[in-house]
Amino acid sequence: MLTQERLDQLHLLEKKLGYVFKDIKLLNKSLTHKSYANETGGGLKNNERFEFLGDSVIDLLVSEHMVRKYPQYAEGLLSKIRAAVVNEICLAEIAGSMGLGQYLLLGNGEDLSGGRQKKSILANAFEAVAGGIFCDGGLESAARVFLPCLENKITAYAGTGQFKDFKSELQEFTQVSRGCIPVYNIIRESGPDHEKLFEMEVMVQGECMGGGKGRTKKEAERMAAKAALEKLT
């Protein structure tokens, strides 16, 4: 059962989002970090499944919008813009501007270590809420809530070209110059579950061309690709 205090918090967030849930428990689940679920027990579900779903929802919203708005852009350029918009840094920035962090349910340790400001947690929460709204009201509702803020980012990147999809650039380069694609390997994982640090390497024709670290595997791969491009070009 949700307490009245928690319900009041969730209703405030509904006003910010401009969407009223048919089932308010879906919003609460979207904001439940695994650290809180693990700490409190009682079979409480965390938001990871909604995060998984929301990732696809946001990809679809961004892709569909760009296909309609930029008919002159080739698939490769659209992919680069989408990668710039839906990455952890960008989504965390949007989530921060929405004040999403203050509504999260975090374990005490995660909360005390600044979890409400961590980019990975904010980006994941943004995706989870998108997944929650999709489950509650469908794709049209998700688009109504999230597309305006995503559109601002799309327009900024599409208009200035100031984005870097290092993984795509590296793959294009190696395909043309060496007739192969890069291979990413995880070297090590360190830190507690709530604050993992991943280290990756990128191999080109069996030779390590760069390494990178990040709070997610994707971010570590991105930094490894950046290092490889600096070495190869």
Protein backbone atom coordinates (compact mmCIF):
# COMPACT_ATOMS: atom_id res chain seq x y z
CA MET A 1 0.00 0.00 0.00
CA LEU A 2 1.20 3.47 -0.87
CA THR A 3 1.20 5.95 1.99
CA GLN A 4 -0.66 9.24 1.62
CA GLU A 5 2.66 11.06 1.68
CA ARG A 6 3.93 8.97 -1.23
CA LEU A 7 0.69 9.43 -3.14
CA ASP A 8 0.98 13.19 -2.71
CA GLN A 9 4.52 13.06 -4.14
CA LEU A 10 3.40 11.00 -7.11
CA HIS A 11 0.49 13.34 -7.83
CA LEU A 12 2.91 16.28 -7.87
CA LEU A 13 5.02 14.46 -10.44
CA GLU A 14 1.92 13.71 -12.49
CA LYS A 15 1.28 17.46 -12.69
CA LYS A 16 4.86 18.05 -13.86
CA LEU A 17 4.53 15.32 -16.47
CA GLY A 18 1.10 16.48 -17.59
CA TYR A 19 -0.21 12.93 -17.36
CA VAL A 20 -2.51 11.27 -14.82
CA PHE A 21 -1.96 7.55 -14.38
CA LYS A 22 -4.90 5.19 -14.43
CA ASP A 23 -2.84 2.97 -12.12
CA ILE A 24 -0.61 5.14 -9.91
CA LYS A 25 1.30 2.03 -8.81
CA LEU A 26 2.91 1.91 -12.25
CA LEU A 27 4.44 5.33 -11.67
CA ASN A 28 5.68 4.26 -8.26
CA LYS A 29 7.27 1.14 -9.74
CA SER A 30 8.92 3.28 -12.43
CA LEU A 31 10.66 5.24 -9.70
CA THR A 32 11.74 2.29 -7.53
CA HIS A 33 15.49 1.75 -7.82
CA LYS A 34 16.86 -1.74 -7.21
CA SER A 35 18.78 -0.49 -4.16
CA TYR A 36 15.48 0.38 -2.47
CA ALA A 37 13.79 -2.87 -3.48
CA ASN A 38 16.75 -4.91 -2.22
CA GLU A 39 16.93 -2.99 1.04
CA THR A 40 13.25 -3.08 1.91
CA GLY A 41 12.53 -6.63 0.72
CA GLY A 42 8.95 -7.80 0.81
CA GLY A 43 8.94 -8.72 -2.88
CA LEU A 44 8.90 -5.09 -4.01
CA LYS A 45 9.62 -4.87 -7.74
CA ASN A 46 12.24 -2.43 -9.06
CA ASN A 47 12.09 -0.38 -12.25
CA GLU A 48 14.53 -2.36 -14.40
CA ARG A 49 11.86 -4.04 -16.57
CA PHE A 50 10.19 -0.68 -17.21
CA GLU A 51 13.62 0.75 -18.02
CA PHE A 52 14.10 -2.01 -20.61
CA LEU A 53 10.73 -1.22 -22.18
CA GLY A 54 11.16 2.55 -21.98
CA ASP A 55 14.47 2.36 -23.84
CA SER A 56 12.60 0.98 -26.86
CA VAL A 57 9.74 3.45 -26.46
CA ILE A 58 12.10 6.44 -26.51
CA ASP A 59 14.04 5.02 -29.48
CA LEU A 60 10.77 4.67 -31.39
CA LEU A 61 9.56 8.18 -30.52
CA VAL A 62 12.84 9.75 -31.61
CA SER A 63 13.11 7.65 -34.77
CA GLU A 64 9.53 8.25 -35.91
CA HIS A 65 9.81 12.00 -35.29
CA MET A 66 13.05 12.31 -37.25
CA VAL A 67 11.78 10.27 -40.20
CA ARG A 68 8.83 12.65 -40.52
CA LYS A 69 10.71 15.89 -39.87
CA TYR A 70 13.92 15.23 -41.79
CA PRO A 71 13.03 13.36 -45.01
CA GLN A 72 16.27 14.61 -46.58
CA TYR A 73 18.51 12.89 -44.02
CA ALA A 74 20.04 9.49 -44.80
CA GLU A 75 19.71 6.58 -42.38
CA GLY A 76 23.30 6.94 -41.19
CA LEU A 77 22.85 10.55 -40.13
CA LEU A 78 19.52 9.80 -38.46
CA SER A 79 21.21 7.02 -36.48
CA LYS A 80 23.95 9.37 -35.29
CA ILE A 81 21.46 12.02 -34.17
CA ARG A 82 19.38 9.41 -32.36
CA ALA A 83 22.47 8.04 -30.59
CA ALA A 84 23.32 11.56 -29.43
CA VAL A 85 19.80 12.16 -28.12
CA VAL A 86 19.16 8.88 -26.31
CA ASN A 87 22.54 8.51 -24.61
CA GLU A 88 22.91 8.54 -20.84
CA ILE A 89 24.20 12.10 -20.56
CA CYS A 90 21.38 13.61 -22.61
CA LEU A 91 18.58 11.63 -20.92
CA ALA A 92 20.00 12.38 -17.47
CA GLU A 93 20.00 16.08 -18.31
CA ILE A 94 16.32 15.93 -19.30
CA ALA A 95 15.46 13.91 -16.20
CA GLY A 96 17.30 16.45 -14.05
CA SER A 97 15.38 19.34 -15.58
CA MET A 98 12.16 17.51 -14.70
CA GLY A 99 13.31 17.08 -11.10
CA LEU A 100 12.89 13.34 -11.43
CA GLY A 101 15.58 12.58 -8.86
CA GLN A 102 13.58 13.87 -5.92
CA TYR A 103 10.79 11.35 -6.57
CA LEU A 104 13.02 8.26 -6.72
CA LEU A 105 12.86 5.52 -4.11
CA LEU A 106 16.50 4.75 -3.30
CA GLY A 107 18.20 2.60 -0.70
CA ASN A 108 19.85 4.53 2.13
CA GLY A 109 23.35 3.86 0.88
CA GLU A 110 22.54 4.97 -2.65
CA ASP A 111 20.74 8.03 -1.40
CA LEU A 112 23.60 9.08 0.88
CA SER A 113 26.14 8.62 -1.93
CA GLY A 114 24.32 11.15 -4.14
CA GLY A 115 22.23 8.71 -6.16
CA ARG A 116 19.58 11.30 -6.96
CA GLN A 117 22.13 13.21 -9.04
CA LYS A 118 23.87 10.25 -10.72
CA LYS A 119 23.55 10.33 -14.48
CA SER A 120 23.06 6.58 -14.84
CA ILE A 121 20.23 6.48 -12.28
CA LEU A 122 18.50 9.56 -13.72
CA ALA A 123 18.72 8.30 -17.30
CA ASN A 124 17.41 4.88 -16.27
CA ALA A 125 14.55 6.48 -14.33
CA PHE A 126 13.63 8.59 -17.36
CA GLU A 127 13.41 5.43 -19.47
CA ALA A 128 11.48 3.60 -16.74
CA VAL A 129 8.85 6.34 -16.48
CA ALA A 130 8.48 6.23 -20.26
CA GLY A 131 7.91 2.50 -19.97
CA GLY A 132 5.41 3.03 -17.17
CA ILE A 133 3.41 5.55 -19.14
CA PHE A 134 3.45 3.26 -22.18
CA CYS A 135 2.01 0.44 -20.07
CA ASP A 136 -0.60 2.74 -18.54
CA GLY A 137 -1.69 4.77 -21.55
CA GLY A 138 0.01 3.52 -24.70
CA LEU A 139 2.44 5.07 -27.17
CA GLU A 140 0.33 8.17 -27.81
CA SER A 141 0.45 9.11 -24.12
CA ALA A 142 4.19 8.50 -23.96
CA ALA A 143 4.69 10.69 -27.02
CA ARG A 144 2.59 13.49 -25.54
CA VAL A 145 4.70 13.53 -22.37
CA PHE A 146 8.20 12.90 -23.69
CA LEU A 147 8.38 14.02 -27.30
CA PRO A 148 8.43 17.78 -26.55
CA CYS A 149 11.61 17.56 -24.44
CA LEU A 150 13.19 15.01 -26.78
CA GLU A 151 12.31 17.18 -29.78
CA ASN A 152 14.30 20.07 -28.34
CA LYS A 153 17.38 17.86 -28.20
CA ILE A 154 16.77 16.44 -31.68
CA THR A 155 16.44 19.92 -33.15
CA ALA A 156 19.60 21.10 -31.42
CA TYR A 157 21.72 18.21 -32.67
CA ALA A 158 20.20 18.11 -36.15
CA GLY A 159 20.63 21.85 -36.58
CA THR A 160 24.22 22.16 -35.41
CA GLY A 161 25.69 18.75 -36.18
CA GLN A 162 27.44 18.96 -32.82
CA PHE A 163 27.25 15.31 -31.88
CA LYS A 164 29.67 12.46 -31.83
CA ASP A 165 28.67 8.83 -32.18
CA PHE A 166 32.18 7.46 -31.75
CA LYS A 167 31.17 3.80 -32.12
CA SER A 168 29.46 4.38 -35.46
CA GLU A 169 32.32 6.54 -36.70
CA LEU A 170 34.88 3.90 -35.74
CA GLN A 171 32.91 1.14 -37.42
CA GLU A 172 32.55 3.17 -40.62
CA PHE A 173 36.27 3.94 -40.59
CA THR A 174 37.42 0.35 -40.04
CA GLN A 175 35.00 -1.04 -42.62
CA VAL A 176 36.38 1.30 -45.28
CA SER A 177 40.06 1.25 -44.33
CA ARG A 178 40.46 -2.33 -43.07
CA GLY A 179 37.42 -4.27 -44.22
CA CYS A 180 36.42 -5.27 -40.69
CA ILE A 181 34.34 -4.14 -37.75
CA PRO A 182 35.59 -3.37 -34.21
CA VAL A 183 35.13 -5.89 -31.41
CA TYR A 184 34.52 -4.69 -27.83
CA ASN A 185 35.66 -6.71 -24.83
CA ILE A 186 35.02 -6.03 -21.18
CA ILE A 187 38.29 -5.96 -19.24
CA ARG A 188 36.95 -5.59 -15.73
CA GLU A 189 34.06 -4.48 -13.55
CA SER A 190 34.67 -2.78 -10.23
CA GLY A 191 32.68 -1.13 -7.47
CA PRO A 192 29.46 -2.09 -5.70
CA ASP A 193 26.32 -2.99 -7.66
CA HIS A 194 24.84 0.47 -7.23
CA GLU A 195 27.97 2.19 -8.53
CA LYS A 196 29.62 -0.10 -11.07
CA LEU A 197 32.58 1.04 -13.12
CA PHE A 198 33.17 -0.78 -16.41
CA GLU A 199 36.42 -0.88 -18.37
CA MET A 200 36.31 -1.92 -22.03
CA GLU A 201 38.80 -2.38 -24.83
CA VAL A 202 38.17 -2.21 -28.56
CA MET A 203 39.99 -4.59 -30.90
CA VAL A 204 40.58 -4.04 -34.61
CA GLN A 205 41.88 -7.09 -36.45
CA GLY A 206 42.99 -8.60 -33.17
CA GLU A 207 44.90 -5.52 -32.01
CA CYS A 208 43.80 -3.36 -29.08
CA MET A 209 43.25 0.16 -30.39
CA GLY A 210 41.83 1.85 -27.33
CA GLY A 211 40.31 1.52 -23.91
CA GLY A 212 37.65 3.37 -21.96
CA LYS A 213 35.82 3.50 -18.66
CA GLY A 214 32.22 4.34 -17.82
CA ARG A 215 29.35 3.81 -15.40
CA THR A 216 27.63 1.71 -18.07
CA LYS A 217 29.01 -0.71 -20.64
CA LYS A 218 27.73 1.54 -23.43
CA GLU A 219 29.57 4.54 -22.06
CA ALA A 220 32.78 2.53 -21.63
CA GLU A 221 32.50 1.28 -25.22
CA ARG A 222 31.91 4.82 -26.42
CA MET A 223 35.06 6.08 -24.69
CA ALA A 224 37.09 3.15 -26.04
CA ALA A 225 35.88 3.96 -29.56
CA LYS A 226 36.87 7.61 -29.05
CA ALA A 227 40.38 6.55 -28.01
CA ALA A 228 40.66 4.26 -31.03
CA LEU A 229 39.59 7.01 -33.44
CA GLU A 230 42.22 9.34 -31.97
CA LYS A 231 44.84 6.65 -32.54
CA LEU A 232 43.78 5.62 -36.03
CA THR A 233 42.86 8.94 -37.64
